[in-house]
Amino acid sequence: MKYALIGCGRIATNHVKAVINNKEKLDFVAVCDILPDAMVTLLAKHDLQDEKSIKRFSDYKKMIDLNPDLDLVAIATESGVHAQIALYCIDHGINVIIEKPMAMSMTDAEEIIKRSRENNVKVSVCHQNRFNIAIQETRQALESGRFGKLSHGSINVRWNRNRNYYDQATWRGKWASDGGCLFNQCIHGIDLLRWMMGDEVEEVYGVTKQQFHDYLEAEDIGMAVVKFKNGAVGTIEGTVNVYPKNLEETLYLFGETGTVKIGGTSTNNIDVWDFADESDLDRKNKGLQEVTSNVYGNGHTSLYADVIDAIEKDREPYINAIAGRNAVEMILAIYQSAATGNPVKLPLSDVASTDFVGRFDK
């Protein structure tokens, strides 16, 4: 499959690693970034700088127009342009992998779903932590009914992002291009919580603040209580205010006959694994640790393999556009609740991150 990458920033190296790890299936033909040096640096990092077959472009539309036979494009740009690039690819019949968040508005998220169906192309969103070993083991236990009735769950993303991090890219922390810590750092955990707790949400009540990052437009801490339609309750804590470095990304699930705590810096370790029907097979999960080189985990390679298989077999990707939409909806609901001071009923419609411009202006 002919593959191209749009965006060569911080997360792009995980995409290139995934391409290399799936090289039997992918032909890396083009890369695109508005900054030529970013393309040079990325390709050199992976010893691809001398690959003449990888064409370089500064305009994604030109890249797509000159490569009409592209099968798969990954979008790893700043968040605010994910949707417009994805829709351009979809309208040209190209399958897409979109970095999180899929979009910054419900309108764009729904449009991606609609047009991908009309054009019969596959869309997958990079909620790659779903492929973590700890998460997969927990999901299997959940689907087999080992938790019994779910009582409650929580996600705690307690990270650090300092001034230096935000100064590296001017789009960070802005409502139109990024949102705050919930949209950027905490969306993976929010996706996991919603997915594990049954996906169907009744109501969200949220609070967001800007405590230490007054040079940003958006929040540096967000907290929420979520009422799920199955009767379970969820809590969310997401922040970049932890001193002096990342502390944890921890998912808790509490059921009638099971308790699991998944910890580590990116929900990659099993800290607690207790079930009423425990067997010898459960021993392998107690204390399980998956080694990762960074907070993004190892899931991109598995996500790419799944998307390739989905294209070959004409099926939905494991993490599809609806999953991407659901994560966006959760965060926009928290933003809306925090802005109004009232609980917000789901589903949401016609809400965008830019609705909250000026929220923390002094």
Protein backbone atom coordinates (compact mmCIF):
# COMPACT_ATOMS: atom_id res chain seq x y z
CA MET A 1 0.00 0.00 0.00
CA LYS A 2 1.30 3.44 -0.90
CA TYR A 3 1.62 5.50 2.29
CA ALA A 4 2.26 9.15 3.10
CA LEU A 5 2.73 11.08 6.36
CA ILE A 6 1.48 14.63 6.87
CA GLY A 7 3.12 16.39 9.84
CA CYS A 8 6.63 15.79 11.14
CA GLY A 9 6.45 17.07 14.72
CA ARG A 10 6.79 15.43 18.13
CA ILE A 11 4.51 12.42 17.53
CA ALA A 12 5.61 11.72 13.94
CA THR A 13 8.48 9.46 14.98
CA ASN A 14 5.99 6.95 16.38
CA HIS A 15 4.29 6.86 12.98
CA VAL A 16 7.56 6.29 11.14
CA LYS A 17 8.46 3.48 13.55
CA ALA A 18 5.06 1.93 12.86
CA VAL A 19 5.67 2.17 9.10
CA ILE A 20 9.07 0.53 9.46
CA ASN A 21 7.57 -2.22 11.62
CA ASN A 22 4.93 -2.83 8.92
CA LYS A 23 7.29 -2.37 5.96
CA GLU A 24 6.19 -5.61 4.29
CA LYS A 25 2.79 -4.00 3.73
CA LEU A 26 3.59 -0.29 3.30
CA ASP A 27 5.50 1.65 0.66
CA PHE A 28 6.48 5.01 2.18
CA VAL A 29 6.23 7.32 -0.83
CA ALA A 30 5.75 10.85 0.53
CA VAL A 31 6.10 13.09 3.55
CA CYS A 32 4.69 16.56 4.10
CA ASP A 33 5.32 19.43 6.50
CA ILE A 34 5.17 23.21 6.22
CA LEU A 35 8.69 23.27 7.73
CA PRO A 36 11.28 21.65 5.41
CA ASP A 37 13.72 21.14 8.29
CA ALA A 38 11.15 19.06 10.15
CA MET A 39 11.03 16.58 7.27
CA VAL A 40 14.82 16.44 7.09
CA THR A 41 15.16 15.85 10.82
CA LEU A 42 12.47 13.17 10.96
CA LEU A 43 13.78 11.16 8.02
CA ALA A 44 17.37 11.41 9.26
CA LYS A 45 16.31 10.17 12.71
CA HIS A 46 15.16 6.93 11.09
CA ASP A 47 18.02 6.70 8.52
CA LEU A 48 15.63 7.46 5.67
CA GLN A 49 17.27 10.69 4.54
CA ASP A 50 18.78 9.07 1.44
CA GLU A 51 15.57 7.37 0.34
CA LYS A 52 14.89 9.05 -3.03
CA SER A 53 11.54 7.28 -3.26
CA ILE A 54 10.16 9.37 -0.36
CA LYS A 55 9.08 12.64 -1.94
CA ARG A 56 8.85 15.78 0.20
CA PHE A 57 6.05 18.32 0.07
CA SER A 58 5.14 21.50 1.95
CA ASP A 59 1.51 21.47 0.72
CA TYR A 60 -0.61 18.43 1.53
CA LYS A 61 -3.11 19.15 -1.25
CA LYS A 62 -0.34 19.21 -3.81
CA MET A 63 1.06 15.97 -2.37
CA ILE A 64 -2.30 14.23 -2.72
CA ASP A 65 -3.02 15.68 -6.17
CA LEU A 66 0.37 14.46 -7.45
CA ASN A 67 -0.03 11.03 -5.83
CA PRO A 68 -3.55 9.94 -6.76
CA ASP A 69 -2.71 6.29 -6.07
CA LEU A 70 -2.13 6.79 -2.33
CA ASP A 71 -3.81 4.08 -0.25
CA LEU A 72 -3.18 5.38 3.27
CA VAL A 73 -2.28 8.77 4.76
CA ALA A 74 -1.45 9.48 8.39
CA ILE A 75 -2.21 12.95 9.75
CA ALA A 76 0.10 14.09 12.57
CA THR A 77 -0.18 17.86 12.32
CA GLU A 78 -1.37 20.32 14.92
CA SER A 79 -4.82 19.32 16.16
CA GLY A 80 -6.76 22.23 14.70
CA VAL A 81 -6.24 21.12 11.08
CA HIS A 82 -6.74 17.36 11.55
CA ALA A 83 -10.33 17.46 10.30
CA GLN A 84 -9.80 19.58 7.18
CA ILE A 85 -6.86 17.44 6.04
CA ALA A 86 -8.74 14.23 6.81
CA LEU A 87 -11.77 15.38 4.81
CA TYR A 88 -9.57 16.27 1.83
CA CYS A 89 -8.03 12.79 1.91
CA ILE A 90 -11.41 11.10 2.36
CA ASP A 91 -12.89 13.03 -0.58
CA HIS A 92 -10.00 11.70 -2.69
CA GLY A 93 -10.78 8.12 -1.67
CA ILE A 94 -7.78 7.74 0.62
CA ASN A 95 -7.88 5.80 3.90
CA VAL A 96 -6.63 7.83 6.87
CA ILE A 97 -5.03 7.42 10.27
CA ILE A 98 -5.68 10.59 12.29
CA GLU A 99 -3.73 11.57 15.37
CA LYS A 100 -5.86 12.46 18.34
CA PRO A 101 -8.05 14.42 18.59
CA MET A 102 -9.89 13.50 15.40
CA ALA A 103 -11.43 16.98 15.29
CA MET A 104 -11.99 20.06 17.43
CA SER A 105 -15.75 20.29 16.85
CA MET A 106 -18.70 17.93 16.78
CA THR A 107 -19.63 19.18 13.31
CA ASP A 108 -16.24 18.16 11.88
CA ALA A 109 -16.25 14.83 13.72
CA GLU A 110 -19.67 13.92 12.35
CA GLU A 111 -18.66 15.05 8.86
CA ILE A 112 -15.62 12.73 8.90
CA ILE A 113 -17.87 9.80 9.82
CA LYS A 114 -20.44 10.71 7.15
CA ARG A 115 -18.02 11.27 4.27
CA SER A 116 -15.87 8.25 5.08
CA ARG A 117 -18.98 6.10 4.73
CA GLU A 118 -19.99 7.82 1.49
CA ASN A 119 -16.51 7.30 0.01
CA ASN A 120 -16.08 3.81 1.47
CA VAL A 121 -12.73 4.59 3.09
CA LYS A 122 -11.35 3.52 6.44
CA VAL A 123 -10.72 6.03 9.22
CA SER A 124 -8.77 5.16 12.36
CA VAL A 125 -7.93 7.53 15.20
CA CYS A 126 -4.72 7.24 17.23
CA HIS A 127 -6.07 6.13 20.57
CA GLN A 128 -3.22 3.64 20.47
CA ASN A 129 -3.25 2.89 24.21
CA ARG A 130 -6.19 0.57 23.51
CA PHE A 131 -3.53 -1.80 22.17
CA ASN A 132 -1.48 -1.78 25.41
CA ILE A 133 -1.12 -5.32 26.79
CA ALA A 134 -2.63 -4.27 30.13
CA ILE A 135 -5.59 -2.64 28.40
CA GLN A 136 -6.18 -5.61 26.10
CA GLU A 137 -6.14 -8.04 29.05
CA THR A 138 -8.61 -5.84 30.92
CA ARG A 139 -10.87 -5.49 27.92
CA GLN A 140 -10.94 -9.26 27.50
CA ALA A 141 -11.90 -9.69 31.17
CA LEU A 142 -14.61 -7.05 30.77
CA GLU A 143 -16.10 -8.57 27.62
CA SER A 144 -16.16 -12.03 29.20
CA GLY A 145 -18.18 -10.66 32.13
CA ARG A 146 -15.58 -11.13 34.84
CA PHE A 147 -16.26 -7.73 36.42
CA GLY A 148 -19.97 -8.45 36.83
CA LYS A 149 -21.99 -5.27 37.08
CA LEU A 150 -19.77 -2.18 36.85
CA SER A 151 -19.95 0.18 39.82
CA HIS A 152 -17.55 2.96 38.88
CA GLY A 153 -14.25 3.81 37.30
CA SER A 154 -11.78 6.65 37.02
CA ILE A 155 -8.95 7.97 34.92
CA ASN A 156 -6.18 10.08 36.45
CA VAL A 157 -3.72 11.71 34.06
CA ARG A 158 -1.20 13.49 36.28
CA TRP A 159 1.50 14.89 34.06
CA ASN A 160 3.85 17.84 33.81
CA ARG A 161 4.16 20.28 30.91
CA ASN A 162 6.26 23.38 31.49
CA ARG A 163 6.84 26.63 29.65
CA ASN A 164 9.58 25.08 27.54
CA TYR A 165 7.16 22.48 26.16
CA TYR A 166 4.59 25.09 25.11
CA ASP A 167 7.26 27.35 23.62
CA GLN A 168 8.29 24.57 21.22
CA ALA A 169 5.16 25.08 19.12
CA THR A 170 3.03 28.20 18.90
CA TRP A 171 -0.21 26.23 18.35
CA ARG A 172 -0.11 24.53 21.76
CA GLY A 173 -2.65 25.58 24.35
CA LYS A 174 -4.78 27.60 21.92
CA TRP A 175 -8.50 26.96 21.57
CA ALA A 176 -8.54 26.76 17.77
CA SER A 177 -5.45 24.63 17.26
CA ASP A 178 -5.07 22.52 20.41
CA GLY A 179 -7.42 23.07 23.34
CA GLY A 180 -6.05 22.49 26.81
CA CYS A 181 -4.67 19.53 28.71
CA LEU A 182 -7.87 17.50 28.30
CA PHE A 183 -7.70 17.63 24.50
CA ASN A 184 -3.95 17.19 24.19
CA GLN A 185 -2.56 15.13 27.07
CA CYS A 186 -5.63 13.49 28.63
CA ILE A 187 -7.71 12.38 25.66
CA HIS A 188 -6.17 8.89 25.62
CA GLY A 189 -7.27 8.21 29.18
CA ILE A 190 -10.69 9.74 28.59
CA ASP A 191 -11.11 7.48 25.57
CA LEU A 192 -10.20 4.42 27.66
CA LEU A 193 -12.62 5.30 30.46
CA ARG A 194 -15.58 5.85 28.12
CA TRP A 195 -14.79 2.68 26.13
CA MET A 196 -14.42 0.49 29.22
CA MET A 197 -17.51 1.88 30.94
CA GLY A 198 -19.89 1.02 28.11
CA ASP A 199 -19.44 3.99 25.75
CA GLU A 200 -22.97 5.34 26.26
CA VAL A 201 -22.94 8.51 28.36
CA GLU A 202 -25.97 10.15 29.92
CA GLU A 203 -24.54 13.28 31.58
CA VAL A 204 -21.25 15.04 32.28
CA TYR A 205 -20.44 17.61 34.95
CA GLY A 206 -17.04 19.26 34.64
CA VAL A 207 -14.77 21.90 36.10
CA THR A 208 -11.75 23.35 34.31
CA LYS A 209 -9.19 25.84 35.56
CA GLN A 210 -6.03 27.56 34.45
CA GLN A 211 -3.85 27.42 37.53
CA PHE A 212 -0.18 27.81 36.54
CA HIS A 213 -0.13 28.35 32.75
CA ASP A 214 -1.44 31.87 32.31
CA TYR A 215 0.43 32.20 29.01
CA LEU A 216 -2.01 29.71 27.44
CA GLU A 217 -5.58 30.23 26.26
CA ALA A 218 -6.98 26.96 27.61
CA GLU A 219 -7.07 24.87 30.81
CA ASP A 220 -4.21 23.16 32.62
CA ILE A 221 -6.52 21.09 34.83
CA GLY A 222 -9.90 19.52 34.17
CA MET A 223 -12.05 17.32 36.39
CA ALA A 224 -15.39 15.70 35.71
CA VAL A 225 -18.06 13.30 36.95
CA VAL A 226 -19.67 11.14 34.28
CA LYS A 227 -23.00 9.29 34.50
CA PHE A 228 -23.11 6.33 32.13
CA LYS A 229 -26.35 4.93 30.75
CA ASN A 230 -25.59 1.51 32.27
CA GLY A 231 -25.77 3.07 35.74
CA ALA A 232 -22.02 3.23 36.37
CA VAL A 233 -20.25 6.42 37.43
CA GLY A 234 -16.90 7.70 36.18
CA THR A 235 -14.50 10.39 37.31
CA ILE A 236 -11.86 12.17 35.28
CA GLU A 237 -8.82 14.07 36.49
CA GLY A 238 -6.51 15.49 33.86
CA THR A 239 -3.71 17.94 34.48
CA VAL A 240 -0.26 19.12 33.42
CA ASN A 241 0.35 20.75 36.81
CA VAL A 242 2.26 17.93 38.52
CA TYR A 243 5.66 18.97 39.89
CA PRO A 244 8.34 18.22 38.77
CA LYS A 245 7.61 15.59 36.08
CA ASN A 246 4.98 13.15 34.79
CA LEU A 247 3.58 11.08 37.66
CA GLU A 248 1.05 8.65 36.23
CA GLU A 249 -1.76 7.81 33.90
CA THR A 250 -3.95 5.44 35.91
CA LEU A 251 -7.22 3.73 35.05
CA TYR A 252 -9.37 2.15 37.76
CA LEU A 253 -12.31 -0.18 37.09
CA PHE A 254 -14.53 -1.42 39.93
CA GLY A 255 -17.11 -4.15 39.36
CA GLU A 256 -19.23 -6.45 41.47
CA THR A 257 -16.74 -9.31 41.06
CA GLY A 258 -13.55 -7.60 39.88
CA THR A 259 -11.15 -4.73 40.52
CA VAL A 260 -8.37 -3.63 38.18
CA LYS A 261 -5.90 -0.78 38.45
CA ILE A 262 -3.80 -0.02 35.38
CA GLY A 263 -0.94 2.37 36.06
CA GLY A 264 2.42 3.42 34.67
CA THR A 265 3.09 6.61 32.75
CA SER A 266 0.76 5.57 29.91
CA THR A 267 -1.62 2.91 31.32
CA ASN A 268 0.96 0.24 30.55
CA ASN A 269 1.27 -1.60 33.90
CA ILE A 270 -1.18 -3.74 35.86
CA ASP A 271 -0.97 -2.68 39.51
CA VAL A 272 -4.07 -4.51 40.77
CA TRP A 273 -5.78 -7.55 39.21
CA ASP A 274 -8.40 -9.16 41.47
CA PHE A 275 -11.35 -11.28 40.35
CA ALA A 276 -13.77 -13.55 42.19
CA ASP A 277 -13.22 -16.34 39.64
CA GLU A 278 -9.42 -16.11 39.74
CA SER A 279 -7.44 -18.88 38.07
CA ASP A 280 -3.78 -19.78 37.60
CA LEU A 281 -3.86 -17.89 34.27
CA ASP A 282 -4.39 -14.64 36.19
CA ARG A 283 -0.93 -14.82 37.71
CA LYS A 284 0.69 -13.56 34.51
CA ASN A 285 -1.29 -10.32 34.83
CA LYS A 286 -0.43 -9.56 38.44
CA GLY A 287 2.37 -7.02 38.27
CA LEU A 288 2.49 -7.01 34.45
CA GLN A 289 4.68 -4.23 33.09
CA GLU A 290 5.01 -3.25 29.43
CA VAL A 291 8.23 -1.35 28.77
CA THR A 292 7.73 1.79 26.69
CA SER A 293 10.27 4.27 25.34
CA ASN A 294 7.98 7.28 25.84
CA VAL A 295 4.52 8.30 27.09
CA TYR A 296 2.97 7.41 23.74
CA GLY A 297 3.48 3.70 24.40
CA ASN A 298 3.94 0.98 21.79
CA GLY A 299 0.48 0.99 20.26
CA HIS A 300 1.10 2.78 16.95
CA THR A 301 2.60 -0.34 15.35
CA SER A 302 -0.42 -2.44 16.32
CA LEU A 303 -2.79 0.31 15.19
CA TYR A 304 -1.11 0.45 11.77
CA ALA A 305 -1.24 -3.34 11.43
CA ASP A 306 -4.95 -3.27 12.27
CA VAL A 307 -5.72 -0.52 9.73
CA ILE A 308 -3.81 -2.37 7.01
CA ASP A 309 -5.81 -5.52 7.79
CA ALA A 310 -9.07 -3.52 7.86
CA ILE A 311 -8.34 -2.16 4.37
CA GLU A 312 -7.43 -5.61 3.03
CA LYS A 313 -10.52 -7.26 4.51
CA ASP A 314 -12.89 -4.30 4.04
CA ARG A 315 -13.89 -4.12 7.70
CA GLU A 316 -14.03 -1.36 10.31
CA PRO A 317 -10.73 -0.58 12.06
CA TYR A 318 -10.53 -1.58 15.73
CA ILE A 319 -10.36 2.12 16.64
CA ASN A 320 -12.67 3.76 14.14
CA ALA A 321 -14.03 7.24 13.50
CA ILE A 322 -16.89 6.74 15.96
CA ALA A 323 -14.35 6.07 18.72
CA GLY A 324 -12.59 9.30 17.76
CA ARG A 325 -15.87 11.18 17.82
CA ASN A 326 -16.78 9.82 21.25
CA ALA A 327 -13.54 11.05 22.82
CA VAL A 328 -14.00 14.52 21.30
CA GLU A 329 -17.60 14.61 22.57
CA MET A 330 -16.53 13.82 26.15
CA ILE A 331 -14.05 16.68 26.24
CA LEU A 332 -16.35 19.21 24.62
CA ALA A 333 -19.05 18.22 27.12
CA ILE A 334 -16.64 18.89 30.00
CA TYR A 335 -15.75 22.26 28.46
CA GLN A 336 -19.40 23.19 28.04
CA SER A 337 -20.31 22.13 31.56
CA ALA A 338 -17.36 24.03 33.04
CA ALA A 339 -18.28 27.16 31.10
CA THR A 340 -21.97 27.08 32.09
CA GLY A 341 -21.67 25.59 35.57
CA ASN A 342 -24.36 23.03 34.68
CA PRO A 343 -24.37 19.32 33.87
CA VAL A 344 -24.45 18.57 30.14
CA LYS A 345 -26.61 15.86 28.57
CA LEU A 346 -25.25 13.79 25.71
CA PRO A 347 -25.29 13.47 22.76
CA LEU A 348 -23.71 16.81 21.91
CA SER A 349 -24.21 18.66 18.68
CA ASP A 350 -22.73 21.82 17.21
CA VAL A 351 -20.14 22.39 19.96
CA ALA A 352 -16.55 23.37 19.17
CA SER A 353 -13.40 24.17 21.12
CA THR A 354 -13.50 27.71 19.72
CA ASP A 355 -16.80 28.28 21.55
CA PHE A 356 -14.67 28.78 24.66
CA VAL A 357 -12.29 31.46 23.39
CA GLY A 358 -11.73 34.01 26.15
CA ARG A 359 -12.74 31.58 28.91
CA PHE A 360 -9.59 32.22 30.97
CA ASP A 361 -8.72 35.71 29.82
CA LYS A 362 -7.57 37.83 32.72
